[in-house]
Amino acid sequence: GALMKKKSTTLTLSVKRKWFDLIKSGVKREEYREYNPYWCARFFVKEPGFKDWVHVRIDYTELVFTLGYPKKDDMSRRLVFKNPRIMIRTGKPEWGAEPNKIYFVITWDAPNAEEKSISTDNLREEPA
């Protein structure tokens, strides 16, 4: 289990231009999907050997946002991020969530987070 290398699994989500642009610019840092049977079927997995134990998938290694449904080679309408995480909670109304409604909330690693954490020379200028 734990020692095996994760095979790469991509979660692809189509978004409207408004959200695509906000995600691309780094402003919008989470995406929402309805907590309904369709998304439950995609985001929950049954644990083999346990009759009723179900958990949110953690095997996605890559997250791709598409603007509409682009052709495979159209990278201008794709945003690729690493390590998507799926939570179940409320979302932010300014990012399209209805207040007090429970969603699947998808978050992801900021681009180049690794490089940023290694570089220390510009730490002092960053606002706290």
Protein backbone atom coordinates (compact mmCIF):
# COMPACT_ATOMS: atom_id res chain seq x y z
CA GLY A 1 0.00 0.00 0.00
CA ALA A 2 1.86 3.01 1.34
CA LEU A 3 5.18 2.22 -0.30
CA MET A 4 3.79 1.82 -3.79
CA LYS A 5 4.27 4.78 -6.08
CA LYS A 6 1.00 6.48 -6.87
CA LYS A 7 0.04 6.02 -10.47
CA SER A 8 -0.90 9.27 -12.07
CA THR A 9 -4.62 9.88 -12.05
CA THR A 10 -6.09 13.05 -13.49
CA LEU A 11 -9.24 14.78 -12.35
CA THR A 12 -10.60 16.93 -15.19
CA LEU A 13 -13.17 19.62 -14.48
CA SER A 14 -14.82 21.90 -17.02
CA VAL A 15 -15.39 25.48 -15.87
CA LYS A 16 -16.93 28.66 -17.26
CA ARG A 17 -14.63 31.40 -18.56
CA LYS A 18 -15.18 33.62 -15.52
CA TRP A 19 -13.85 30.94 -13.18
CA PHE A 20 -11.19 29.73 -15.62
CA ASP A 21 -9.67 33.23 -15.70
CA LEU A 22 -9.82 33.61 -11.90
CA ILE A 23 -8.20 30.21 -11.39
CA LYS A 24 -5.56 31.00 -14.01
CA SER A 25 -4.67 34.29 -12.33
CA GLY A 26 -4.38 32.53 -8.96
CA VAL A 27 -7.27 34.41 -7.35
CA LYS A 28 -9.70 31.50 -7.11
CA ARG A 29 -8.10 28.69 -5.13
CA GLU A 30 -10.96 26.20 -4.87
CA GLU A 31 -13.63 24.79 -7.13
CA TYR A 32 -17.02 23.39 -6.16
CA ARG A 33 -19.08 20.47 -7.31
CA GLU A 34 -22.58 19.61 -6.14
CA TYR A 35 -22.92 17.07 -3.37
CA ASN A 36 -25.22 14.86 -5.44
CA PRO A 37 -25.32 11.23 -6.64
CA TYR A 38 -23.32 12.00 -9.80
CA TRP A 39 -20.36 13.55 -8.01
CA CYS A 40 -20.64 11.14 -5.07
CA ALA A 41 -20.17 8.31 -7.58
CA ARG A 42 -17.03 10.00 -8.93
CA PHE A 43 -15.49 11.17 -5.66
CA PHE A 44 -16.27 8.32 -3.26
CA VAL A 45 -14.65 4.91 -3.37
CA LYS A 46 -15.65 1.79 -1.49
CA GLU A 47 -12.83 0.28 0.48
CA PRO A 48 -12.25 -3.29 -0.72
CA GLY A 49 -12.93 -5.76 2.08
CA PHE A 50 -15.06 -3.33 4.08
CA LYS A 51 -18.75 -3.64 3.34
CA ASP A 52 -19.83 -0.09 4.16
CA TRP A 53 -16.65 1.91 4.50
CA VAL A 54 -16.53 4.60 1.85
CA HIS A 55 -14.05 7.44 1.60
CA VAL A 56 -13.23 10.36 -0.64
CA ARG A 57 -10.76 9.50 -3.38
CA ILE A 58 -7.21 10.51 -2.60
CA ASP A 59 -5.52 8.96 -5.63
CA TYR A 60 -5.72 11.97 -7.95
CA THR A 61 -2.24 13.27 -8.72
CA GLU A 62 -3.19 15.93 -11.25
CA LEU A 63 -6.02 18.40 -11.71
CA VAL A 64 -6.94 19.81 -15.12
CA PHE A 65 -9.39 22.66 -15.55
CA THR A 66 -10.72 23.04 -19.06
CA LEU A 67 -12.50 25.99 -20.58
CA GLY A 68 -15.48 24.21 -22.07
CA TYR A 69 -14.44 21.00 -23.81
CA PRO A 70 -11.24 21.75 -25.76
CA LYS A 71 -9.49 19.51 -28.24
CA LYS A 72 -6.75 17.37 -26.72
CA ASP A 73 -3.91 19.57 -28.03
CA ASP A 74 -5.49 22.93 -27.12
CA MET A 75 -3.36 23.93 -24.12
CA SER A 76 -4.68 27.51 -24.11
CA ARG A 77 -7.94 26.18 -22.69
CA ARG A 78 -6.34 23.95 -20.06
CA LEU A 79 -4.88 24.67 -16.63
CA VAL A 80 -2.89 21.90 -14.97
CA PHE A 81 -2.23 21.70 -11.23
CA LYS A 82 -0.75 19.10 -8.91
CA ASN A 83 -2.16 17.20 -5.93
CA PRO A 84 -5.87 17.97 -5.94
CA ARG A 85 -7.59 17.45 -2.61
CA ILE A 86 -11.31 16.92 -2.15
CA MET A 87 -13.14 18.04 0.98
CA ILE A 88 -16.79 18.19 1.93
CA ARG A 89 -17.75 21.60 3.30
CA THR A 90 -19.29 24.95 2.45
CA GLY A 91 -17.70 27.24 -0.13
CA LYS A 92 -17.23 30.94 -0.80
CA PRO A 93 -20.16 32.78 -2.39
CA GLU A 94 -17.77 35.07 -4.28
CA TRP A 95 -16.40 31.96 -5.97
CA GLY A 96 -19.81 30.64 -6.97
CA ALA A 97 -20.95 28.69 -3.93
CA GLU A 98 -24.40 29.11 -2.42
CA PRO A 99 -24.17 30.19 1.25
CA ASN A 100 -24.47 27.40 3.83
CA LYS A 101 -24.63 24.70 1.16
CA ILE A 102 -22.38 21.64 1.39
CA TYR A 103 -20.18 20.94 -1.63
CA PHE A 104 -17.33 18.80 -2.75
CA VAL A 105 -14.58 21.40 -2.49
CA ILE A 106 -11.55 20.79 -4.70
CA THR A 107 -8.28 22.51 -3.82
CA TRP A 108 -4.82 22.14 -5.34
CA ASP A 109 -1.16 23.01 -4.90
CA ALA A 110 -0.20 26.52 -5.91
CA PRO A 111 2.00 26.48 -9.03
CA ASN A 112 5.73 26.39 -8.26
CA ALA A 113 5.11 26.04 -4.54
CA GLU A 114 8.27 23.90 -4.31
CA GLU A 115 10.53 26.55 -5.84
CA LYS A 116 9.04 29.28 -3.68
CA SER A 117 9.61 27.46 -0.41
CA ILE A 118 13.28 26.84 -1.22
CA SER A 119 14.07 30.45 -2.16
CA THR A 120 14.60 32.42 1.04
CA ASP A 121 16.16 35.63 -0.23
CA ASN A 122 12.85 37.39 -0.85
CA LEU A 123 11.10 36.28 2.33
CA ARG A 124 11.49 39.62 4.10
CA GLU A 125 9.66 41.64 1.44
CA GLU A 126 6.60 39.37 1.53
CA PRO A 127 3.68 40.81 3.50
CA ALA A 128 2.87 38.72 6.54
